[in-house]
Every structure is written in structure tokens, then in C-alpha cells.
Amino acid sequence: MQPSPLPPLPAEQVPGLQHLRVGEIVVTAVSDGFLNGSNAVLQNIAPEEIDRLLTESFRPTPRRTSVNTFLIRSGGRAALIDTGCGGSMQASAGKMLGNLAAANVAPEMIDTVLLTHLHPDHSNALADASGQAIFANATVGLHAAELAYWEDEAAASRAGASGQGVPYFAAARAQLAPYRDRLALFADGAEIFPGVTAVHLPGHTPGHCGYMIASGEDSLLIWGDIVHVPEVQVPRPEVTMQFDVDPAQAAETRRRTFDRVATDRQRILGMHLHFPGCAHLARTGEGYRLVPEARDLAF
């Protein structure tokens, strides 16, 4: 008996989704794809050292950065943490909406969008090309200091020196525009969705935030942009990014966060950890090692 003919070779990957359980809360990693970028944006490190660290980790150089978003389903409600790049950056990114649809979640089902910060790879799918809100029924939550920064004309005029540039400010304001009457500003420690608490992690931007998700005895920290290039910044936490508003504070926040999650054995999710972005951080002598979480089919 001859085997049945094989189907055509696949032309694309399966949807970029991974489900995680935190007590009674389900967290779904939703891939937005990835961005290719220059190593020159990494600071406080020699270019040859970047190449060495990436090559030893079997990663491309120049760098490739994963972009992740996270769907939170808790108490019969749905929140999205970050929206990814939208259609305005690279063809390899902007995949969040398609992957969200593969999870059978339409944008109108999202009642809350929580932003780690307002850089374009985190917020450029709030509005469509015509300036209309993509998440028609959602409140947008962000730290009060984040909104204040992107509305500050003096900060915009200084932006060229930080590597963010005036277009970053224009994009942030345009993306928020259709949500101006439904912004929810919060402070550190506020519970802003069932089981989700804001964790202020300043430096990358003034209002950069992570989110602690807790249910029962279980918890998970979404740490935002604590690292952008894990193969470099985990072993070398002093390495900063050209996009950091306050590089010294960003490095200090990274060290403090590393110490906390390693000490507490805290499970983490990162916007720029390789998809699905779930890991632990282990101490190795005087440094750290990122340990990706094994996939669990029984979530």
C-alpha cells in the first residue's frame, strides 16, 4: 500500500501563540514578529564584544529582536499588554492582530490595553492608518509619568540626542489620539486589571512599567524592556540602548530587577525575549543566565 500524497510544503509558520496559566488567569504570548537592527544602538560595549556574544549564542549579527505582546484573560475580561509595531516598521513585524485572530480574539473583545511604554514597537497598533482606534471598546492604561514625558515639548526638542527623535513623539501622540477620552493613568503598585499590578521600572522611559500577574500562590512578572538583546544584556547588564531616555537609570533598574527575579525565582515574560518570552533568571557566580521555560502542553 502506498502512502497518501503529502500536502504542499508549508508557506508560513503556525500562529505565534503560547498559553501560560497563572492560577486562574490565562496569559497568552502573542508574537508581533521581529525587528532586524543595527548593533550600534548598544552602548557601553565594544562592537567586537557584541559580535562575540551574539555569535557564541548562535544568533545573527547584526541583532534580531523579538517583539512580543501578551493577552491576559482574567475574571471574564480580556486585556492586551502592548500592541506591537503595527504596519509602520518592518515587514517581519506587525503580526499581532493576525495572531490574535488565530486565538479567536477580535480587537473589540479587548476592554483594556496596558502599555509598558510608548515606543513605536509597543504602541503602533493602537490606531490604524486612518487614525481610528483599533481597539474600539478599550481603555488604554499607562503610567502617569509616561504620558507626561511624551506630551513634554522640551523633551521632544531634546529627543535627537537620545536616539528617539522627534518622529517618536509624533507617533506616540498620534497613536493615543483616538483614546484621549479613555486614558487610565496609574502609579506604581496600582491594580489596574483583575490580578494585574503595575510595577514602575523607569529609565528606558520615565514611565516604563512592568506588570505583576498574580492569582492564588502563582505569579508572573512581565518586565517590559528590561532587556532588548538578551544574549548581550543578561551577561552584561551595564549595556544600555541608544533609545534609553536615562541610560544610567535604565542600567540600575535592570540590575535591581535582575536581583529581584533571581532571588525570588520569579517567572518572567519579556517583550524582547525570544518568543514566547517566558523564562527564569539564574545567578552564575557574579552574573546571570537566562533559562527559557520549558513548554507545558497542560497549561
Protein backbone atom coordinates (compact mmCIF):
# COMPACT_ATOMS: atom_id res chain seq x y z
CA MET A 1 0.00 0.00 0.00
CA GLN A 2 1.34 3.38 -0.99
CA PRO A 3 1.22 6.26 1.50
CA SER A 4 -1.12 9.13 0.75
CA PRO A 5 0.47 12.07 -1.10
CA LEU A 6 1.97 14.73 1.09
CA PRO A 7 0.24 18.11 1.23
CA PRO A 8 2.03 21.11 -0.30
CA LEU A 9 5.02 22.35 1.65
CA PRO A 10 4.06 25.00 4.24
CA ALA A 11 4.46 28.61 3.17
CA GLU A 12 4.29 30.14 6.65
CA GLN A 13 4.68 29.28 10.31
CA VAL A 14 1.81 28.27 12.57
CA PRO A 15 0.34 31.21 14.53
CA GLY A 16 2.68 32.76 17.08
CA LEU A 17 0.76 31.89 20.25
CA GLN A 18 1.69 30.27 23.54
CA HIS A 19 -0.66 29.89 26.51
CA LEU A 20 0.50 30.11 30.13
CA ARG A 21 -1.50 29.70 33.29
CA VAL A 22 -1.08 31.84 36.40
CA GLY A 23 -3.53 30.42 38.93
CA GLU A 24 -6.97 31.24 37.48
CA ILE A 25 -5.54 33.67 34.92
CA VAL A 26 -4.55 32.65 31.39
CA VAL A 27 -1.74 34.62 29.76
CA THR A 28 -1.20 34.16 26.03
CA ALA A 29 2.04 35.24 24.42
CA VAL A 30 1.09 36.79 21.07
CA SER A 31 4.01 37.31 18.71
CA ASP A 32 4.28 40.54 16.74
CA GLY A 33 7.24 39.13 14.80
CA PHE A 34 10.74 40.54 14.98
CA LEU A 35 12.89 43.51 14.00
CA ASN A 36 16.36 43.47 12.50
CA GLY A 37 18.53 46.32 13.69
CA SER A 38 21.99 47.75 13.99
CA ASN A 39 24.33 46.77 16.81
CA ALA A 40 25.37 50.42 17.01
CA VAL A 41 22.40 51.19 19.30
CA LEU A 42 24.02 49.13 22.08
CA GLN A 43 26.18 51.34 24.28
CA ASN A 44 28.93 50.77 26.88
CA ILE A 45 30.28 47.79 24.98
CA ALA A 46 32.79 47.30 22.18
CA PRO A 47 31.35 46.28 18.78
CA GLU A 48 33.55 43.17 18.63
CA GLU A 49 32.23 42.08 22.03
CA ILE A 50 28.65 42.34 20.77
CA ASP A 51 29.57 40.21 17.77
CA ARG A 52 31.26 37.65 20.00
CA LEU A 53 28.31 37.32 22.38
CA LEU A 54 25.78 37.00 19.56
CA THR A 55 27.90 34.53 17.59
CA GLU A 56 28.55 32.35 20.62
CA SER A 57 24.78 32.24 21.21
CA PHE A 58 24.11 31.21 17.58
CA ARG A 59 22.26 34.48 16.96
CA PRO A 60 22.53 36.68 13.88
CA THR A 61 24.70 39.76 13.94
CA PRO A 62 23.62 42.49 13.45
CA ARG A 63 20.99 41.79 16.09
CA ARG A 64 17.49 40.40 15.63
CA THR A 65 14.97 41.47 18.27
CA SER A 66 11.78 39.58 19.02
CA VAL A 67 8.65 41.68 19.62
CA ASN A 68 6.08 40.12 21.94
CA THR A 69 2.68 41.19 23.22
CA PHE A 70 0.59 39.44 25.85
CA LEU A 71 -3.12 38.73 26.13
CA ILE A 72 -4.47 38.47 29.69
CA ARG A 73 -7.79 36.73 30.35
CA SER A 74 -8.96 37.22 33.91
CA GLY A 75 -12.36 37.48 35.57
CA GLY A 76 -14.22 37.09 32.28
CA ARG A 77 -12.35 40.06 30.76
CA ALA A 78 -9.52 40.46 28.27
CA ALA A 79 -6.56 42.85 28.38
CA LEU A 80 -3.70 43.26 25.92
CA ILE A 81 -0.27 44.31 27.15
CA ASP A 82 1.37 46.30 24.35
CA THR A 83 0.25 46.28 20.73
CA GLY A 84 3.49 45.81 18.82
CA CYS A 85 4.69 47.63 15.72
CA GLY A 86 1.57 47.91 13.60
CA GLY A 87 2.25 48.26 9.89
CA SER A 88 4.71 51.12 10.16
CA MET A 89 8.05 49.42 10.81
CA GLN A 90 9.43 46.27 9.14
CA ALA A 91 7.63 43.56 7.16
CA SER A 92 8.86 40.99 9.69
CA ALA A 93 6.81 42.71 12.43
CA GLY A 94 3.22 43.87 12.82
CA LYS A 95 1.88 40.32 13.19
CA MET A 96 -0.01 40.80 16.48
CA LEU A 97 -3.50 41.30 15.04
CA GLY A 98 -3.23 38.24 12.80
CA ASN A 99 -2.02 36.09 15.66
CA LEU A 100 -4.71 37.49 17.96
CA ALA A 101 -7.31 36.47 15.37
CA ALA A 102 -5.83 32.96 15.34
CA ALA A 103 -6.56 32.86 19.08
CA ASN A 104 -10.22 33.69 18.22
CA VAL A 105 -9.96 37.08 19.91
CA ALA A 106 -11.18 40.11 17.96
CA PRO A 107 -9.97 43.63 18.83
CA GLU A 108 -13.45 44.63 20.02
CA MET A 109 -13.27 41.93 22.70
CA ILE A 110 -10.36 43.71 24.42
CA ASP A 111 -11.61 46.05 27.15
CA THR A 112 -8.18 47.19 28.39
CA VAL A 113 -4.87 47.87 26.65
CA LEU A 114 -1.95 48.30 29.04
CA LEU A 115 1.25 49.84 27.73
CA THR A 116 4.71 49.18 29.09
CA HIS A 117 5.71 52.45 27.37
CA LEU A 118 5.05 54.44 24.22
CA HIS A 119 7.91 53.47 21.93
CA PRO A 120 6.60 52.58 18.45
CA ASP A 121 7.34 48.85 18.68
CA HIS A 122 4.99 48.73 21.68
CA SER A 123 2.18 51.08 20.73
CA ASN A 124 1.93 51.49 16.95
CA ALA A 125 -1.06 49.18 16.60
CA LEU A 126 -3.33 51.29 18.80
CA ALA A 127 -4.63 53.18 15.76
CA ASP A 128 -4.96 52.24 12.11
CA ALA A 129 -3.58 54.15 9.11
CA SER A 130 -6.60 56.48 9.13
CA GLY A 131 -6.12 57.32 12.80
CA GLN A 132 -9.08 55.29 14.05
CA ALA A 133 -8.90 53.25 17.25
CA ILE A 134 -8.25 49.57 16.52
CA PHE A 135 -9.50 48.58 19.98
CA ALA A 136 -12.88 50.27 19.82
CA ASN A 137 -14.03 49.25 23.31
CA ALA A 138 -10.75 49.50 25.20
CA THR A 139 -9.46 51.82 27.86
CA VAL A 140 -5.73 52.49 27.47
CA GLY A 141 -3.70 52.35 30.67
CA LEU A 142 -0.21 53.74 31.16
CA HIS A 143 1.89 55.23 33.94
CA ALA A 144 1.22 58.93 34.53
CA ALA A 145 4.93 59.74 34.05
CA GLU A 146 4.87 58.12 30.62
CA LEU A 147 2.10 60.34 29.31
CA ALA A 148 3.75 63.41 30.83
CA TYR A 149 7.03 62.64 29.05
CA TRP A 150 5.54 62.22 25.57
CA GLU A 151 3.48 65.39 25.97
CA ASP A 152 6.51 67.44 27.08
CA GLU A 153 7.66 69.79 24.29
CA ALA A 154 11.05 70.28 25.94
CA ALA A 155 11.58 66.52 25.98
CA ALA A 156 10.64 66.36 22.31
CA SER A 157 13.21 69.02 21.47
CA ARG A 158 15.91 67.01 23.29
CA ALA A 159 14.90 63.73 21.66
CA GLY A 160 17.54 63.78 18.92
CA ALA A 161 20.30 63.29 21.47
CA SER A 162 18.59 60.22 22.94
CA GLY A 163 18.22 58.47 19.61
CA GLN A 164 14.44 58.52 19.79
CA GLY A 165 13.94 61.51 17.52
CA VAL A 166 11.03 63.86 17.14
CA PRO A 167 9.11 61.30 14.99
CA TYR A 168 8.81 59.07 18.07
CA PHE A 169 6.89 61.83 19.81
CA ALA A 170 4.65 62.42 16.82
CA ALA A 171 3.89 58.69 16.56
CA ALA A 172 3.13 58.35 20.27
CA ARG A 173 0.72 61.29 20.20
CA ALA A 174 -0.99 60.03 17.04
CA GLN A 175 -1.47 56.56 18.45
CA LEU A 176 -3.02 57.91 21.66
CA ALA A 177 -5.22 60.47 19.90
CA PRO A 178 -8.34 58.29 19.41
CA TYR A 179 -8.20 57.19 23.06
CA ARG A 180 -7.86 60.62 24.70
CA ASP A 181 -11.26 60.34 26.39
CA ARG A 182 -10.49 56.86 27.75
CA LEU A 183 -6.98 57.00 29.11
CA ALA A 184 -6.44 55.47 32.54
CA LEU A 185 -3.31 56.84 34.22
CA PHE A 186 -1.87 54.91 37.13
CA ALA A 187 1.01 54.89 39.62
CA ASP A 188 3.37 52.19 40.83
CA GLY A 189 1.60 49.41 42.71
CA ALA A 190 -1.87 50.07 41.34
CA GLU A 191 -4.04 47.07 40.47
CA ILE A 192 -5.22 48.09 37.03
CA PHE A 193 -6.87 44.84 35.85
CA PRO A 194 -8.05 41.80 37.84
CA GLY A 195 -4.86 40.20 39.18
CA VAL A 196 -2.57 42.66 37.35
CA THR A 197 -0.49 45.22 39.27
CA ALA A 198 1.74 47.93 37.80
CA VAL A 199 5.48 47.79 38.55
CA HIS A 200 7.29 51.04 37.72
CA LEU A 201 10.64 50.29 36.06
CA PRO A 202 11.95 53.71 34.96
CA GLY A 203 14.98 54.55 32.88
CA HIS A 204 14.23 53.20 29.43
CA THR A 205 11.47 55.80 29.53
CA PRO A 206 10.27 57.78 32.56
CA GLY A 207 7.05 55.79 32.87
CA HIS A 208 8.30 52.41 31.65
CA CYS A 209 6.32 49.74 33.51
CA GLY A 210 6.18 46.03 34.03
CA TYR A 211 3.14 44.14 35.23
CA MET A 212 2.93 41.57 38.02
CA ILE A 213 0.25 38.98 37.35
CA ALA A 214 -0.82 37.05 40.42
CA SER A 215 -3.53 34.52 41.21
CA GLY A 216 -3.55 32.26 44.25
CA GLU A 217 0.02 31.23 45.03
CA ASP A 218 1.26 31.76 41.48
CA SER A 219 2.73 34.88 39.86
CA LEU A 220 4.46 36.04 36.71
CA LEU A 221 6.28 39.32 36.05
CA ILE A 222 6.01 40.89 32.61
CA TRP A 223 9.15 43.02 32.78
CA GLY A 224 8.75 45.05 29.58
CA ASP A 225 12.02 46.25 28.07
CA ILE A 226 14.38 45.35 30.90
CA VAL A 227 16.47 43.76 28.13
CA HIS A 228 16.39 44.25 24.37
CA VAL A 229 19.18 41.86 23.34
CA PRO A 230 19.23 39.08 25.94
CA GLU A 231 22.46 37.46 24.71
CA VAL A 232 24.26 40.74 25.44
CA GLN A 233 22.42 42.44 28.30
CA VAL A 234 21.90 39.43 30.57
CA PRO A 235 25.65 38.73 30.96
CA ARG A 236 26.44 42.45 30.61
CA PRO A 237 23.66 44.41 32.41
CA GLU A 238 25.65 47.63 32.15
CA VAL A 239 24.99 47.68 28.39
CA THR A 240 22.40 50.33 27.59
CA MET A 241 20.45 51.26 24.47
CA GLN A 242 20.52 54.41 22.40
CA PHE A 243 16.74 54.52 22.96
CA ASP A 244 17.06 54.78 26.76
CA VAL A 245 15.85 58.18 27.95
CA ASP A 246 18.04 57.86 31.07
CA PRO A 247 20.71 55.21 30.36
CA ALA A 248 22.20 55.23 33.88
CA GLN A 249 18.77 54.75 35.45
CA ALA A 250 17.89 52.05 32.91
CA ALA A 251 21.04 50.10 33.84
CA GLU A 252 20.33 50.49 37.56
CA THR A 253 16.72 49.36 37.08
CA ARG A 254 17.96 46.34 35.13
CA ARG A 255 20.40 45.35 37.90
CA ARG A 256 17.74 45.80 40.57
CA THR A 257 15.21 43.78 38.57
CA PHE A 258 17.74 41.03 37.86
CA ASP A 259 18.49 40.75 41.57
CA ARG A 260 14.82 40.61 42.47
CA VAL A 261 13.72 37.97 39.95
CA ALA A 262 16.78 35.78 40.61
CA THR A 263 16.34 35.97 44.39
CA ASP A 264 12.60 35.30 44.22
CA ARG A 265 12.94 32.66 41.47
CA GLN A 266 10.28 34.74 39.74
CA ARG A 267 8.94 33.57 36.41
CA ILE A 268 9.21 36.35 33.83
CA LEU A 269 7.93 37.38 30.43
CA GLY A 270 9.75 39.93 28.28
CA MET A 271 8.75 41.96 25.27
CA HIS A 272 12.12 41.28 23.65
CA LEU A 273 12.97 37.83 24.95
CA HIS A 274 12.82 35.28 22.18
CA PHE A 275 9.23 34.16 21.62
CA PRO A 276 7.28 33.15 23.64
CA GLY A 277 9.42 35.14 26.06
CA CYS A 278 8.90 33.10 29.24
CA ALA A 279 11.97 32.38 31.36
CA HIS A 280 13.74 32.46 34.70
CA LEU A 281 16.95 34.24 35.59
CA ALA A 282 19.60 32.21 37.42
CA ARG A 283 22.71 33.51 39.14
CA THR A 284 26.02 32.21 37.80
CA GLY A 285 28.87 33.37 40.01
CA GLU A 286 28.80 37.15 39.79
CA GLY A 287 26.49 37.23 36.77
CA TYR A 288 23.23 35.82 35.46
CA ARG A 289 21.97 33.26 32.97
CA LEU A 290 18.60 33.31 31.24
CA VAL A 291 16.80 29.96 31.43
CA PRO A 292 13.88 29.68 28.97
CA GLU A 293 10.86 27.94 30.47
CA ALA A 294 10.09 24.51 29.05
CA ARG A 295 6.87 24.33 27.09
CA ASP A 296 3.98 22.86 29.07
CA LEU A 297 1.16 21.41 27.00
CA ALA A 298 -1.12 21.18 30.05
CA PHE A 299 -1.49 24.89 30.71
